[in-house]
N, C-alpha and C. Protein backbone atom coordinates (compact mmCIF):
# COMPACT_ATOMS: atom_id res chain seq x y z
N UNK A 1 197.29 -33.93 37.56
CA UNK A 1 196.95 -33.17 38.43
C UNK A 1 197.49 -33.87 39.72
N UNK A 2 197.92 -33.12 40.50
CA UNK A 2 197.90 -33.66 42.15
C UNK A 2 197.24 -32.43 43.12
N UNK A 3 197.16 -33.57 44.44
CA UNK A 3 196.33 -33.26 45.32
C UNK A 3 196.92 -31.81 45.68
N UNK A 4 195.72 -30.54 45.59
CA UNK A 4 196.01 -29.59 46.35
C UNK A 4 195.90 -29.56 48.05
N UNK A 5 196.70 -28.85 48.83
CA UNK A 5 196.90 -28.62 50.16
C UNK A 5 195.95 -27.03 50.18
N UNK A 6 195.13 -27.20 50.43
CA UNK A 6 194.33 -25.96 50.61
C UNK A 6 195.19 -24.87 51.59
N UNK A 7 195.57 -25.38 52.71
CA UNK A 7 196.16 -24.81 53.76
C UNK A 7 197.73 -23.81 53.77
N UNK A 8 198.62 -25.00 52.93
CA UNK A 8 199.82 -24.71 52.34
C UNK A 8 199.68 -23.58 51.45
N UNK A 9 198.50 -23.52 50.11
CA UNK A 9 198.17 -22.70 49.29
C UNK A 9 197.35 -21.48 50.43
N UNK A 10 197.24 -21.27 50.93
CA UNK A 10 196.44 -20.06 51.78
C UNK A 10 197.19 -19.86 52.57
N UNK A 11 198.52 -20.28 52.93
CA UNK A 11 199.26 -19.74 53.81
C UNK A 11 200.41 -18.91 52.86
N UNK A 12 200.59 -18.79 51.18
CA UNK A 12 200.87 -18.51 50.78
C UNK A 12 201.23 -16.69 50.12
N UNK A 13 200.00 -16.44 50.83
CA UNK A 13 199.80 -14.65 50.93
C UNK A 13 198.82 -14.56 52.09
N UNK A 14 198.89 -13.52 52.08
CA UNK A 14 198.10 -12.53 53.08
C UNK A 14 197.22 -11.93 53.00
N UNK A 15 197.08 -11.00 51.91
CA UNK A 15 195.88 -10.25 51.52
C UNK A 15 194.44 -10.92 51.68
N UNK A 16 193.67 -9.95 52.03
CA UNK A 16 192.07 -9.91 51.92
C UNK A 16 191.18 -9.57 50.91
N UNK A 17 190.35 -10.04 50.80
CA UNK A 17 189.31 -10.44 49.45
C UNK A 17 190.53 -10.37 48.18
N UNK A 18 191.32 -11.45 48.40
CA UNK A 18 191.98 -11.67 46.66
C UNK A 18 192.34 -12.83 46.23
N UNK A 19 190.79 -13.50 46.14
CA UNK A 19 191.23 -14.81 45.91
C UNK A 19 192.38 -15.34 45.09
N UNK A 20 192.57 -16.63 45.40
CA UNK A 20 193.20 -17.13 44.48
C UNK A 20 193.33 -18.26 43.92
N UNK A 21 193.72 -18.87 42.87
CA UNK A 21 192.55 -20.34 41.57
C UNK A 21 193.77 -21.22 42.36
N UNK A 22 193.48 -22.11 42.94
CA UNK A 22 193.82 -23.00 43.46
C UNK A 22 193.99 -24.67 42.05
N UNK A 23 192.59 -24.90 41.23
CA UNK A 23 192.05 -25.55 40.48
C UNK A 23 191.62 -25.29 39.62
N UNK A 24 190.75 -26.15 38.26
CA UNK A 24 189.75 -25.67 37.41
C UNK A 24 188.87 -27.08 37.05
N UNK A 25 187.81 -26.71 37.39
CA UNK A 25 186.93 -27.51 37.72
C UNK A 25 185.37 -27.39 36.48
N UNK A 26 185.84 -28.46 35.89
CA UNK A 26 184.55 -27.88 34.73
C UNK A 26 184.10 -26.70 33.96
N UNK A 27 185.02 -25.73 33.90
CA UNK A 27 184.86 -24.36 33.51
C UNK A 27 184.53 -23.48 34.41
N UNK A 28 185.10 -23.88 35.97
CA UNK A 28 184.94 -23.19 37.10
C UNK A 28 186.16 -23.22 37.86
N UNK A 29 186.31 -21.79 38.58
CA UNK A 29 187.83 -21.41 39.07
C UNK A 29 187.31 -21.96 40.53
N UNK A 30 188.37 -22.56 41.29
CA UNK A 30 188.37 -23.08 42.54
C UNK A 30 189.43 -22.50 43.24
N UNK A 31 188.71 -21.54 44.35
CA UNK A 31 189.91 -20.88 44.80
C UNK A 31 189.62 -20.85 46.23
N UNK A 32 190.76 -20.12 46.67
CA UNK A 32 190.87 -19.78 48.50
C UNK A 32 191.00 -18.38 48.20
N UNK A 33 190.42 -17.94 49.53
CA UNK A 33 190.43 -16.65 49.92
C UNK A 33 190.29 -16.36 51.58
N UNK A 34 191.36 -14.87 51.87
CA UNK A 34 191.47 -15.12 53.34
C UNK A 34 190.42 -13.32 53.40
N UNK A 35 189.54 -13.79 54.25
CA UNK A 35 188.47 -12.58 54.39
C UNK A 35 188.94 -12.28 56.00
N UNK A 36 188.69 -10.31 55.90
CA UNK A 36 188.41 -9.72 56.88
C UNK A 36 187.77 -8.56 57.06
N UNK A 37 186.62 -8.03 57.15
CA UNK A 37 186.03 -6.95 57.22
C UNK A 37 184.65 -7.23 56.35
N UNK A 38 183.79 -6.21 55.80
CA UNK A 38 182.27 -6.41 54.94
C UNK A 38 182.91 -6.14 53.42
N UNK A 39 182.59 -6.71 52.80
CA UNK A 39 182.93 -6.66 51.45
C UNK A 39 181.34 -5.76 50.79
N UNK A 40 181.74 -4.83 49.98
CA UNK A 40 180.34 -4.25 48.89
C UNK A 40 178.93 -5.11 48.21
N UNK A 41 177.91 -4.41 48.52
CA UNK A 41 176.78 -5.23 48.49
C UNK A 41 177.10 -5.45 46.79
N UNK A 42 176.67 -7.20 46.59
CA UNK A 42 176.62 -6.91 44.69
C UNK A 42 176.08 -8.37 44.56
N UNK A 43 176.03 -8.76 43.18
CA UNK A 43 175.04 -9.97 42.89
C UNK A 43 176.27 -10.40 41.42
N UNK A 44 175.58 -11.77 40.96
CA UNK A 44 176.13 -11.96 39.99
C UNK A 44 174.79 -13.04 39.02
N UNK A 45 174.55 -12.11 38.13
CA UNK A 45 173.79 -12.14 36.85
C UNK A 45 173.04 -13.75 36.37
N UNK A 46 174.31 -14.36 36.39
CA UNK A 46 174.49 -15.19 35.26
C UNK A 46 175.13 -16.48 35.89
N UNK A 47 175.46 -16.55 37.39
CA UNK A 47 176.31 -17.89 37.76
C UNK A 47 175.86 -17.20 39.25
N UNK A 48 176.16 -18.40 40.32
CA UNK A 48 175.43 -18.61 41.78
C UNK A 48 176.78 -18.32 42.19
N UNK A 49 177.59 -18.21 43.51
CA UNK A 49 178.38 -17.62 44.38
C UNK A 49 178.76 -18.61 45.42
N UNK A 50 179.53 -20.03 45.55
CA UNK A 50 180.08 -20.86 46.27
C UNK A 50 181.00 -20.13 47.51
N UNK A 51 180.32 -20.24 48.49
CA UNK A 51 181.46 -20.14 50.00
C UNK A 51 181.21 -21.99 50.29
N UNK A 52 182.45 -22.29 51.16
CA UNK A 52 182.96 -22.98 51.65
C UNK A 52 183.87 -22.48 52.76
N UNK A 53 183.55 -22.80 54.14
CA UNK A 53 184.58 -22.01 55.40
C UNK A 53 185.57 -22.86 55.54
N UNK A 54 186.41 -22.41 55.35
CA UNK A 54 187.28 -23.15 56.29
C UNK A 54 188.43 -23.30 57.54
N UNK A 55 188.14 -21.93 57.48
CA UNK A 55 188.62 -21.54 59.04
C UNK A 55 187.63 -19.99 59.15
N UNK A 56 187.35 -20.33 60.96
CA UNK A 56 186.57 -18.98 61.49
C UNK A 56 185.16 -18.38 61.19
N UNK A 57 184.37 -17.63 61.55
CA UNK A 57 183.24 -17.43 61.23
C UNK A 57 182.80 -16.23 59.71
N UNK A 58 182.02 -16.69 59.23
CA UNK A 58 181.55 -15.71 57.71
C UNK A 58 180.08 -15.47 57.90
N UNK A 59 179.68 -14.50 57.70
CA UNK A 59 178.46 -14.21 57.84
C UNK A 59 178.24 -13.87 55.76
N UNK A 60 177.17 -14.73 55.24
CA UNK A 60 176.88 -14.77 54.24
C UNK A 60 175.66 -13.49 54.36
N UNK A 61 175.40 -11.94 54.23
CA UNK A 61 174.59 -10.95 54.41
C UNK A 61 173.37 -10.79 53.24
N UNK A 62 172.15 -11.24 53.53
CA UNK A 62 171.84 -11.24 52.07
C UNK A 62 170.77 -9.74 52.55
N UNK A 63 169.86 -9.32 51.39
CA UNK A 63 168.82 -8.56 51.90
C UNK A 63 167.82 -8.22 53.06
N UNK A 64 167.06 -9.93 53.02
CA UNK A 64 165.93 -9.74 53.51
C UNK A 64 166.52 -11.38 54.81
N UNK A 65 168.29 -11.35 55.37
CA UNK A 65 168.53 -12.25 56.23
C UNK A 65 170.09 -12.51 56.23
N UNK A 66 170.61 -12.98 57.28
CA UNK A 66 172.08 -12.86 57.49
C UNK A 66 172.31 -14.64 57.82
N UNK A 67 173.06 -15.41 56.60
CA UNK A 67 173.40 -17.00 57.09
C UNK A 67 174.73 -16.86 57.91
N UNK A 68 174.53 -16.94 59.16
CA UNK A 68 175.74 -17.16 60.03
C UNK A 68 176.77 -18.98 59.16
N UNK A 69 177.96 -18.74 58.80
CA UNK A 69 178.81 -19.86 58.33
C UNK A 69 179.82 -20.10 59.51
N UNK A 70 179.84 -21.29 60.04
CA UNK A 70 180.87 -21.67 60.11
C UNK A 70 181.97 -22.83 59.69
N UNK A 71 183.22 -23.11 60.29
CA UNK A 71 184.03 -23.82 59.77
C UNK A 71 183.67 -25.40 59.04
N UNK A 72 183.57 -25.45 58.33
CA UNK A 72 183.08 -27.04 57.14
C UNK A 72 181.45 -26.56 57.13
N UNK A 73 181.02 -25.57 56.96
CA UNK A 73 179.69 -25.20 56.35
C UNK A 73 179.98 -24.50 54.84
N UNK A 74 179.28 -24.91 54.70
CA UNK A 74 178.69 -24.10 52.84
C UNK A 74 177.74 -23.44 52.50
N UNK A 75 177.71 -22.53 52.03
CA UNK A 75 176.11 -21.48 51.58
C UNK A 75 176.86 -21.00 50.27
N UNK A 76 175.62 -21.72 49.54
CA UNK A 76 175.21 -20.95 47.87
C UNK A 76 174.47 -19.65 47.56
N UNK A 77 174.88 -18.90 47.11
CA UNK A 77 173.67 -17.64 46.58
C UNK A 77 173.78 -17.87 45.89
N UNK A 78 172.34 -17.49 45.37
CA UNK A 78 171.81 -18.25 43.54
C UNK A 78 171.92 -17.09 43.05
N UNK A 79 172.03 -17.34 41.87
CA UNK A 79 172.35 -15.79 40.51
C UNK A 79 171.39 -15.16 41.06
N UNK A 80 171.48 -13.76 40.63
CA UNK A 80 170.75 -12.65 41.08
C UNK A 80 170.34 -12.74 42.36
N UNK A 81 170.76 -12.93 43.30
CA UNK A 81 170.95 -12.47 44.70
C UNK A 81 171.54 -11.99 45.29
N UNK A 82 171.30 -10.28 45.37
CA UNK A 82 172.28 -9.43 46.47
C UNK A 82 172.54 -10.34 47.64
N UNK A 83 173.77 -9.77 47.72
CA UNK A 83 174.68 -10.51 48.97
C UNK A 83 176.10 -9.63 49.22
N UNK A 84 175.93 -9.71 50.00
CA UNK A 84 177.99 -9.20 50.98
C UNK A 84 178.43 -10.22 51.54
N UNK A 85 179.32 -10.51 51.94
CA UNK A 85 180.51 -11.43 52.95
C UNK A 85 180.82 -10.69 53.92
N UNK A 86 180.62 -11.31 55.21
CA UNK A 86 181.01 -10.13 56.41
C UNK A 86 182.04 -11.20 57.18
N UNK A 87 183.23 -11.15 57.86
CA UNK A 87 183.77 -11.71 58.19
C UNK A 87 184.24 -10.58 60.23
N UNK A 88 183.85 -10.84 61.02
CA UNK A 88 184.53 -9.75 61.79
C UNK A 88 185.81 -10.24 62.30
N UNK A 89 186.14 -11.63 61.96
CA UNK A 89 187.45 -12.10 62.44
C UNK A 89 188.02 -12.65 60.80
N UNK A 90 189.24 -12.71 60.76
CA UNK A 90 189.72 -13.54 59.94
C UNK A 90 189.29 -15.12 59.38
N UNK A 91 189.28 -14.70 58.67
CA UNK A 91 188.10 -16.33 57.83
C UNK A 91 188.93 -16.30 56.35
N UNK A 92 188.88 -17.77 56.53
CA UNK A 92 189.44 -19.21 55.37
C UNK A 92 188.33 -19.02 54.40
N UNK A 93 187.98 -18.69 52.88
CA UNK A 93 187.57 -19.74 52.50
C UNK A 93 187.56 -20.35 50.88
N UNK A 94 186.57 -21.64 50.59
CA UNK A 94 186.66 -21.80 49.28
C UNK A 94 185.94 -21.17 48.18
N UNK A 95 186.46 -20.67 47.13
CA UNK A 95 185.03 -20.07 46.30
C UNK A 95 185.10 -21.02 44.74
N UNK A 96 184.35 -21.33 44.38
CA UNK A 96 183.80 -21.89 43.27
C UNK A 96 182.99 -21.00 41.76
N UNK A 97 183.62 -20.68 41.31
CA UNK A 97 183.14 -19.48 40.26
C UNK A 97 183.08 -19.82 38.85
N UNK A 98 182.10 -19.66 38.25
CA UNK A 98 182.28 -20.07 36.90
C UNK A 98 183.68 -19.42 36.56
N UNK A 99 184.38 -20.58 35.63
CA UNK A 99 185.81 -19.32 34.78
C UNK A 99 185.50 -17.94 33.89
N UNK A 100 186.34 -16.98 34.82
CA UNK A 100 185.85 -15.82 33.83
C UNK A 100 185.24 -14.84 34.87
N UNK A 101 184.65 -15.18 35.51
CA UNK A 101 183.52 -14.14 36.72
C UNK A 101 184.41 -13.06 37.00
N UNK A 102 183.75 -11.59 36.26
CA UNK A 102 184.76 -10.89 36.62
C UNK A 102 185.29 -10.69 38.70
N UNK A 103 186.21 -10.70 39.01
CA UNK A 103 186.49 -10.56 40.12
C UNK A 103 186.41 -8.87 41.07
N UNK A 104 184.96 -8.81 42.02
CA UNK A 104 184.90 -8.10 42.36
C UNK A 104 186.04 -7.24 43.17
N UNK A 105 186.77 -7.82 43.78
CA UNK A 105 187.78 -7.30 44.99
C UNK A 105 188.89 -6.92 44.02
N UNK A 106 189.09 -7.44 42.91
CA UNK A 106 190.48 -6.68 42.14
C UNK A 106 189.36 -5.37 41.61
N UNK A 107 188.48 -5.55 41.02
CA UNK A 107 188.20 -3.93 40.75
C UNK A 107 187.63 -2.84 41.85
N UNK A 108 188.50 -3.14 42.90
CA UNK A 108 188.70 -2.32 43.61
C UNK A 108 187.34 -2.13 44.27
N UNK A 109 186.30 -2.94 44.17
CA UNK A 109 184.98 -3.21 45.37
C UNK A 109 185.45 -3.41 46.48
N UNK A 110 186.38 -3.92 47.04
CA UNK A 110 186.24 -4.55 48.74
C UNK A 110 187.21 -3.72 49.54
N UNK A 111 186.31 -3.46 50.72
CA UNK A 111 186.54 -3.19 52.16
C UNK A 111 187.35 -3.74 53.11
N UNK A 112 188.37 -2.88 53.56
CA UNK A 112 188.98 -2.88 54.61
C UNK A 112 188.68 -3.94 56.11
N UNK A 113 188.79 -4.49 56.80
CA UNK A 113 188.58 -4.35 58.46
C UNK A 113 189.19 -3.20 58.98
N UNK A 114 188.20 -2.77 60.35
CA UNK A 114 188.60 -1.77 60.56
C UNK A 114 188.41 -0.41 60.67
């Protein structure tokens, strides 16, 4: 395995809400994604959701509060907790999910900015 440059990987695509797997880690996909706009409310019954902000602000909206994240900050949404990421401005993140977790964006549940 070679080093993975996350900035270089992010530069290879432009689509929002379409995570790209950049590495595998103990049965988990390590992904990068570009976010802009507000995702739909959802939850993962079998796994936590890991967000690390690489660039731009991100809000992790939960039903009872919002966690504001900036560059270099991470937040883990515990399994079973309803949430939605929201990015008023373009945002780059690293995500870690158990391999095989359905990608909600690819199932047509994403919303575009504007």
